[in-house]
Amino acid sequence: MPKLKTHKGARKRLGLTGRGKPRGTKAGKLHLNVKKSAKRVRQNTGTQILSKSERRLVRRLLPYD
């Protein structure tokens, strides 16, 4: 069976926690921040654990991580 290729775009944007759960950045902080409250912008920093429905997709994109 041939080797699987890692999706490079996903590799740059997604990662795994120490226990193997997929982790990604939160959406909604790159632009149009003036009209958002400081609390909302602050809470969008950092990363979040992806949902169970997205885990299967991430495992296909990152087969060896």
PDB file of N, CA and C in Angstrom:
ATOM      1  N   MET A   1       0.845  -1.185   0.000  1.00  0.00           N
ATOM      2  CA  MET A   1       0.000   0.000   0.000  1.00  0.00           C
ATOM      3  C   MET A   1       0.887   1.245   0.000  1.00  0.00           C
ATOM      4  N   PRO A   2       0.587   2.239  -0.837  1.00  0.00           N
ATOM      5  CA  PRO A   2       1.445   3.422  -0.913  1.00  0.00           C
ATOM      6  C   PRO A   2       1.309   4.297   0.326  1.00  0.00           C
ATOM      7  N   LYS A   3       2.318   5.130   0.488  1.00  0.00           N
ATOM      8  CA  LYS A   3       2.280   6.074   1.591  1.00  0.00           C
ATOM      9  C   LYS A   3       1.203   7.128   1.333  1.00  0.00           C
ATOM     10  N   LEU A   4       0.635   7.671   2.404  1.00  0.00           N
ATOM     11  CA  LEU A   4      -0.365   8.736   2.296  1.00  0.00           C
ATOM     12  C   LEU A   4       0.338  10.075   2.422  1.00  0.00           C
ATOM     13  N   LYS A   5      -0.144  11.046   1.687  1.00  0.00           N
ATOM     14  CA  LYS A   5       0.451  12.370   1.758  1.00  0.00           C
ATOM     15  C   LYS A   5      -0.278  13.226   2.785  1.00  0.00           C
ATOM     16  N   THR A   6       0.494  13.991   3.533  1.00  0.00           N
ATOM     17  CA  THR A   6      -0.061  14.945   4.477  1.00  0.00           C
ATOM     18  C   THR A   6      -0.552  16.168   3.714  1.00  0.00           C
ATOM     19  N   HIS A   7      -1.716  16.665   4.069  1.00  0.00           N
ATOM     20  CA  HIS A   7      -2.246  17.886   3.461  1.00  0.00           C
ATOM     21  C   HIS A   7      -1.506  19.067   4.081  1.00  0.00           C
ATOM     22  N   LYS A   8      -0.687  19.742   3.268  1.00  0.00           N
ATOM     23  CA  LYS A   8       0.204  20.772   3.800  1.00  0.00           C
ATOM     24  C   LYS A   8      -0.550  21.974   4.366  1.00  0.00           C
ATOM     25  N   GLY A   9      -1.682  22.328   3.757  1.00  0.00           N
ATOM     26  CA  GLY A   9      -2.458  23.437   4.290  1.00  0.00           C
ATOM     27  C   GLY A   9      -3.005  23.125   5.671  1.00  0.00           C
ATOM     28  N   ALA A  10      -3.456  21.893   5.859  1.00  0.00           N
ATOM     29  CA  ALA A  10      -3.962  21.480   7.163  1.00  0.00           C
ATOM     30  C   ALA A  10      -2.828  21.382   8.173  1.00  0.00           C
ATOM     31  N   ARG A  11      -1.654  20.947   7.715  1.00  0.00           N
ATOM     32  CA  ARG A  11      -0.514  20.794   8.612  1.00  0.00           C
ATOM     33  C   ARG A  11      -0.111  22.133   9.210  1.00  0.00           C
ATOM     34  N   LYS A  12      -0.229  23.210   8.404  1.00  0.00           N
ATOM     35  CA  LYS A  12       0.166  24.527   8.881  1.00  0.00           C
ATOM     36  C   LYS A  12      -0.865  25.125   9.837  1.00  0.00           C
ATOM     37  N   ARG A  13      -2.134  24.700   9.727  1.00  0.00           N
ATOM     38  CA  ARG A  13      -3.200  25.320  10.507  1.00  0.00           C
ATOM     39  C   ARG A  13      -3.673  24.488  11.685  1.00  0.00           C
ATOM     40  N   LEU A  14      -3.471  23.188  11.632  1.00  0.00           N
ATOM     41  CA  LEU A  14      -3.987  22.301  12.664  1.00  0.00           C
ATOM     42  C   LEU A  14      -2.847  21.581  13.356  1.00  0.00           C
ATOM     43  N   GLY A  15      -3.120  21.157  14.575  1.00  0.00           N
ATOM     44  CA  GLY A  15      -2.144  20.382  15.320  1.00  0.00           C
ATOM     45  C   GLY A  15      -2.857  19.373  16.191  1.00  0.00           C
ATOM     46  N   LEU A  16      -2.099  18.648  16.967  1.00  0.00           N
ATOM     47  CA  LEU A  16      -2.671  17.663  17.872  1.00  0.00           C
ATOM     48  C   LEU A  16      -2.228  17.963  19.288  1.00  0.00           C
ATOM     49  N   THR A  17      -3.094  17.674  20.230  1.00  0.00           N
ATOM     50  CA  THR A  17      -2.727  17.806  21.631  1.00  0.00           C
ATOM     51  C   THR A  17      -1.857  16.615  22.013  1.00  0.00           C
ATOM     52  N   GLY A  18      -1.398  16.596  23.217  1.00  0.00           N
ATOM     53  CA  GLY A  18      -0.577  15.491  23.681  1.00  0.00           C
ATOM     54  C   GLY A  18      -1.304  14.165  23.673  1.00  0.00           C
ATOM     55  N   ARG A  19      -2.610  14.199  23.804  1.00  0.00           N
ATOM     56  CA  ARG A  19      -3.407  12.968  23.802  1.00  0.00           C
ATOM     57  C   ARG A  19      -3.962  12.634  22.427  1.00  0.00           C
ATOM     58  N   GLY A  20      -3.599  13.441  21.418  1.00  0.00           N
ATOM     59  CA  GLY A  20      -3.985  13.114  20.063  1.00  0.00           C
ATOM     60  C   GLY A  20      -5.269  13.744  19.564  1.00  0.00           C
ATOM     61  N   LYS A  21      -5.836  14.660  20.330  1.00  0.00           N
ATOM     62  CA  LYS A  21      -7.043  15.338  19.862  1.00  0.00           C
ATOM     63  C   LYS A  21      -6.647  16.477  18.932  1.00  0.00           C
ATOM     64  N   PRO A  22      -7.395  16.692  17.851  1.00  0.00           N
ATOM     65  CA  PRO A  22      -7.047  17.773  16.935  1.00  0.00           C
ATOM     66  C   PRO A  22      -7.349  19.145  17.529  1.00  0.00           C
ATOM     67  N   ARG A  23      -6.464  20.072  17.231  1.00  0.00           N
ATOM     68  CA  ARG A  23      -6.545  21.404  17.793  1.00  0.00           C
ATOM     69  C   ARG A  23      -6.395  22.405  16.658  1.00  0.00           C
ATOM     70  N   GLY A  24      -7.172  23.479  16.695  1.00  0.00           N
ATOM     71  CA  GLY A  24      -7.091  24.504  15.665  1.00  0.00           C
ATOM     72  C   GLY A  24      -7.330  25.873  16.247  1.00  0.00           C
ATOM     73  N   THR A  25      -7.016  26.882  15.464  1.00  0.00           N
ATOM     74  CA  THR A  25      -7.212  28.245  15.937  1.00  0.00           C
ATOM     75  C   THR A  25      -8.682  28.632  15.848  1.00  0.00           C
ATOM     76  N   LYS A  26      -9.071  29.565  16.662  1.00  0.00           N
ATOM     77  CA  LYS A  26     -10.454  30.023  16.668  1.00  0.00           C
ATOM     78  C   LYS A  26     -10.686  30.999  15.522  1.00  0.00           C
ATOM     79  N   ALA A  27     -11.877  30.982  14.995  1.00  0.00           N
ATOM     80  CA  ALA A  27     -12.208  31.831  13.858  1.00  0.00           C
ATOM     81  C   ALA A  27     -12.714  33.185  14.328  1.00  0.00           C
ATOM     82  N   GLY A  28     -12.594  34.179  13.456  1.00  0.00           N
ATOM     83  CA  GLY A  28     -13.236  35.462  13.696  1.00  0.00           C
ATOM     84  C   GLY A  28     -12.385  36.504  14.374  1.00  0.00           C
ATOM     85  N   LYS A  29     -11.065  36.494  14.172  1.00  0.00           N
ATOM     86  CA  LYS A  29     -10.258  37.514  14.815  1.00  0.00           C
ATOM     87  C   LYS A  29      -9.377  38.297  13.850  1.00  0.00           C
ATOM     88  N   LEU A  30      -9.372  37.943  12.581  1.00  0.00           N
ATOM     89  CA  LEU A  30      -8.398  38.542  11.680  1.00  0.00           C
ATOM     90  C   LEU A  30      -8.772  39.943  11.196  1.00  0.00           C
ATOM     91  N   HIS A  31     -10.024  40.252  11.036  1.00  0.00           N
ATOM     92  CA  HIS A  31     -10.372  41.585  10.567  1.00  0.00           C
ATOM     93  C   HIS A  31     -11.758  41.950  11.073  1.00  0.00           C
ATOM     94  N   LEU A  32     -12.130  43.217  10.874  1.00  0.00           N
ATOM     95  CA  LEU A  32     -13.399  43.776  11.358  1.00  0.00           C
ATOM     96  C   LEU A  32     -13.514  43.682  12.883  1.00  0.00           C
ATOM     97  N   ASN A  33     -12.397  43.925  13.564  1.00  0.00           N
ATOM     98  CA  ASN A  33     -12.393  43.792  15.017  1.00  0.00           C
ATOM     99  C   ASN A  33     -12.867  45.048  15.737  1.00  0.00           C
ATOM    100  N   VAL A  34     -12.982  46.160  15.039  1.00  0.00           N
ATOM    101  CA  VAL A  34     -13.371  47.405  15.703  1.00  0.00           C
ATOM    102  C   VAL A  34     -14.776  47.300  16.266  1.00  0.00           C
ATOM    103  N   LYS A  35     -15.660  46.635  15.539  1.00  0.00           N
ATOM    104  CA  LYS A  35     -17.033  46.541  16.010  1.00  0.00           C
ATOM    105  C   LYS A  35     -17.270  45.392  16.987  1.00  0.00           C
ATOM    106  N   LYS A  36     -16.251  44.599  17.249  1.00  0.00           N
ATOM    107  CA  LYS A  36     -16.376  43.506  18.213  1.00  0.00           C
ATOM    108  C   LYS A  36     -15.892  43.993  19.570  1.00  0.00           C
ATOM    109  N   SER A  37     -16.492  43.464  20.623  1.00  0.00           N
ATOM    110  CA  SER A  37     -16.088  43.872  21.959  1.00  0.00           C
ATOM    111  C   SER A  37     -14.697  43.319  22.271  1.00  0.00           C
ATOM    112  N   ALA A  38     -14.017  43.979  23.188  1.00  0.00           N
ATOM    113  CA  ALA A  38     -12.678  43.548  23.569  1.00  0.00           C
ATOM    114  C   ALA A  38     -12.714  42.134  24.148  1.00  0.00           C
ATOM    115  N   LYS A  39     -13.776  41.820  24.873  1.00  0.00           N
ATOM    116  CA  LYS A  39     -13.915  40.484  25.446  1.00  0.00           C
ATOM    117  C   LYS A  39     -14.020  39.434  24.342  1.00  0.00           C
ATOM    118  N   ARG A  40     -14.787  39.746  23.310  1.00  0.00           N
ATOM    119  CA  ARG A  40     -14.971  38.796  22.206  1.00  0.00           C
ATOM    120  C   ARG A  40     -13.671  38.572  21.439  1.00  0.00           C
ATOM    121  N   VAL A  41     -12.919  39.631  21.192  1.00  0.00           N
ATOM    122  CA  VAL A  41     -11.644  39.502  20.500  1.00  0.00           C
ATOM    123  C   VAL A  41     -10.658  38.729  21.366  1.00  0.00           C
ATOM    124  N   ARG A  42     -10.628  39.010  22.638  1.00  0.00           N
ATOM    125  CA  ARG A  42      -9.707  38.347  23.562  1.00  0.00           C
ATOM    126  C   ARG A  42     -10.011  36.860  23.674  1.00  0.00           C
ATOM    127  N   GLN A  43     -11.280  36.502  23.690  1.00  0.00           N
ATOM    128  CA  GLN A  43     -11.644  35.091  23.809  1.00  0.00           C
ATOM    129  C   GLN A  43     -11.369  34.307  22.530  1.00  0.00           C
ATOM    130  N   ASN A  44     -11.181  34.989  21.416  1.00  0.00           N
ATOM    131  CA  ASN A  44     -10.865  34.312  20.170  1.00  0.00           C
ATOM    132  C   ASN A  44      -9.379  34.058  19.988  1.00  0.00           C
ATOM    133  N   THR A  45      -8.555  34.437  20.947  1.00  0.00           N
ATOM    134  CA  THR A  45      -7.136  34.145  20.846  1.00  0.00           C
ATOM    135  C   THR A  45      -6.900  32.689  21.228  1.00  0.00           C
ATOM    136  N   GLY A  46      -5.776  32.166  20.817  1.00  0.00           N
ATOM    137  CA  GLY A  46      -5.407  30.811  21.202  1.00  0.00           C
ATOM    138  C   GLY A  46      -6.049  29.758  20.323  1.00  0.00           C
ATOM    139  N   THR A  47      -6.090  28.556  20.847  1.00  0.00           N
ATOM    140  CA  THR A  47      -6.594  27.412  20.089  1.00  0.00           C
ATOM    141  C   THR A  47      -7.762  26.775  20.803  1.00  0.00           C
ATOM    142  N   GLN A  48      -8.449  25.879  20.105  1.00  0.00           N
ATOM    143  CA  GLN A  48      -9.570  25.157  20.680  1.00  0.00           C
ATOM    144  C   GLN A  48      -9.522  23.715  20.197  1.00  0.00           C
ATOM    145  N   ILE A  49     -10.129  22.827  20.956  1.00  0.00           N
ATOM    146  CA  ILE A  49     -10.256  21.435  20.558  1.00  0.00           C
ATOM    147  C   ILE A  49     -11.385  21.342  19.541  1.00  0.00           C
ATOM    148  N   LEU A  50     -11.129  20.674  18.428  1.00  0.00           N
ATOM    149  CA  LEU A  50     -12.140  20.568  17.378  1.00  0.00           C
ATOM    150  C   LEU A  50     -13.212  19.562  17.771  1.00  0.00           C
ATOM    151  N   SER A  51     -14.368  19.683  17.146  1.00  0.00           N
ATOM    152  CA  SER A  51     -15.495  18.826  17.474  1.00  0.00           C
ATOM    153  C   SER A  51     -15.269  17.402  16.972  1.00  0.00           C
ATOM    154  N   LYS A  52     -16.059  16.478  17.475  1.00  0.00           N
ATOM    155  CA  LYS A  52     -15.915  15.082  17.087  1.00  0.00           C
ATOM    156  C   LYS A  52     -16.164  14.867  15.602  1.00  0.00           C
ATOM    157  N   SER A  53     -17.075  15.652  15.034  1.00  0.00           N
ATOM    158  CA  SER A  53     -17.367  15.481  13.623  1.00  0.00           C
ATOM    159  C   SER A  53     -16.188  15.914  12.751  1.00  0.00           C
ATOM    160  N   GLU A  54     -15.370  16.831  13.245  1.00  0.00           N
ATOM    161  CA  GLU A  54     -14.217  17.287  12.480  1.00  0.00           C
ATOM    162  C   GLU A  54     -12.993  16.413  12.697  1.00  0.00           C
ATOM    163  N   ARG A  55     -12.985  15.599  13.733  1.00  0.00           N
ATOM    164  CA  ARG A  55     -11.814  14.765  14.025  1.00  0.00           C
ATOM    165  C   ARG A  55     -11.524  13.779  12.906  1.00  0.00           C
ATOM    166  N   ARG A  56     -12.566  13.190  12.336  1.00  0.00           N
ATOM    167  CA  ARG A  56     -12.372  12.221  11.263  1.00  0.00           C
ATOM    168  C   ARG A  56     -11.756  12.892  10.038  1.00  0.00           C
ATOM    169  N   LEU A  57     -12.190  14.123   9.748  1.00  0.00           N
ATOM    170  CA  LEU A  57     -11.627  14.860   8.622  1.00  0.00           C
ATOM    171  C   LEU A  57     -10.156  15.163   8.848  1.00  0.00           C
ATOM    172  N   VAL A  58      -9.808  15.568  10.071  1.00  0.00           N
ATOM    173  CA  VAL A  58      -8.427  15.910  10.373  1.00  0.00           C
ATOM    174  C   VAL A  58      -7.547  14.671  10.311  1.00  0.00           C
ATOM    175  N   ARG A  59      -8.043  13.540  10.740  1.00  0.00           N
ATOM    176  CA  ARG A  59      -7.241  12.303  10.688  1.00  0.00           C
ATOM    177  C   ARG A  59      -6.924  11.918   9.257  1.00  0.00           C
ATOM    178  N   ARG A  60      -7.830  12.221   8.311  1.00  0.00           N
ATOM    179  CA  ARG A  60      -7.567  11.930   6.902  1.00  0.00           C
ATOM    180  C   ARG A  60      -6.542  12.906   6.327  1.00  0.00           C
ATOM    181  N   LEU A  61      -6.582  14.160   6.777  1.00  0.00           N
ATOM    182  CA  LEU A  61      -5.654  15.158   6.259  1.00  0.00           C
ATOM    183  C   LEU A  61      -4.264  15.021   6.861  1.00  0.00           C
ATOM    184  N   LEU A  62      -4.198  14.559   8.108  1.00  0.00           N
ATOM    185  CA  LEU A  62      -2.909  14.420   8.797  1.00  0.00           C
ATOM    186  C   LEU A  62      -2.716  12.967   9.225  1.00  0.00           C
ATOM    187  N   PRO A  63      -2.404  12.073   8.292  1.00  0.00           N
ATOM    188  CA  PRO A  63      -2.393  10.649   8.606  1.00  0.00           C
ATOM    189  C   PRO A  63      -1.270  10.220   9.563  1.00  0.00           C
ATOM    190  N   TYR A  64      -0.157  10.923   9.584  1.00  0.00           N
ATOM    191  CA  TYR A  64       0.980  10.464  10.377  1.00  0.00           C
ATOM    192  C   TYR A  64       1.274  11.337  11.579  1.00  0.00           C
ATOM    193  N   ASP A  65       0.392  12.230  11.934  1.00  0.00           N
ATOM    194  CA  ASP A  65       0.623  13.102  13.074  1.00  0.00           C
ATOM    195  C   ASP A  65      -0.090  12.580  14.293  1.00  0.00           C
TER     196      ASP A  65
END
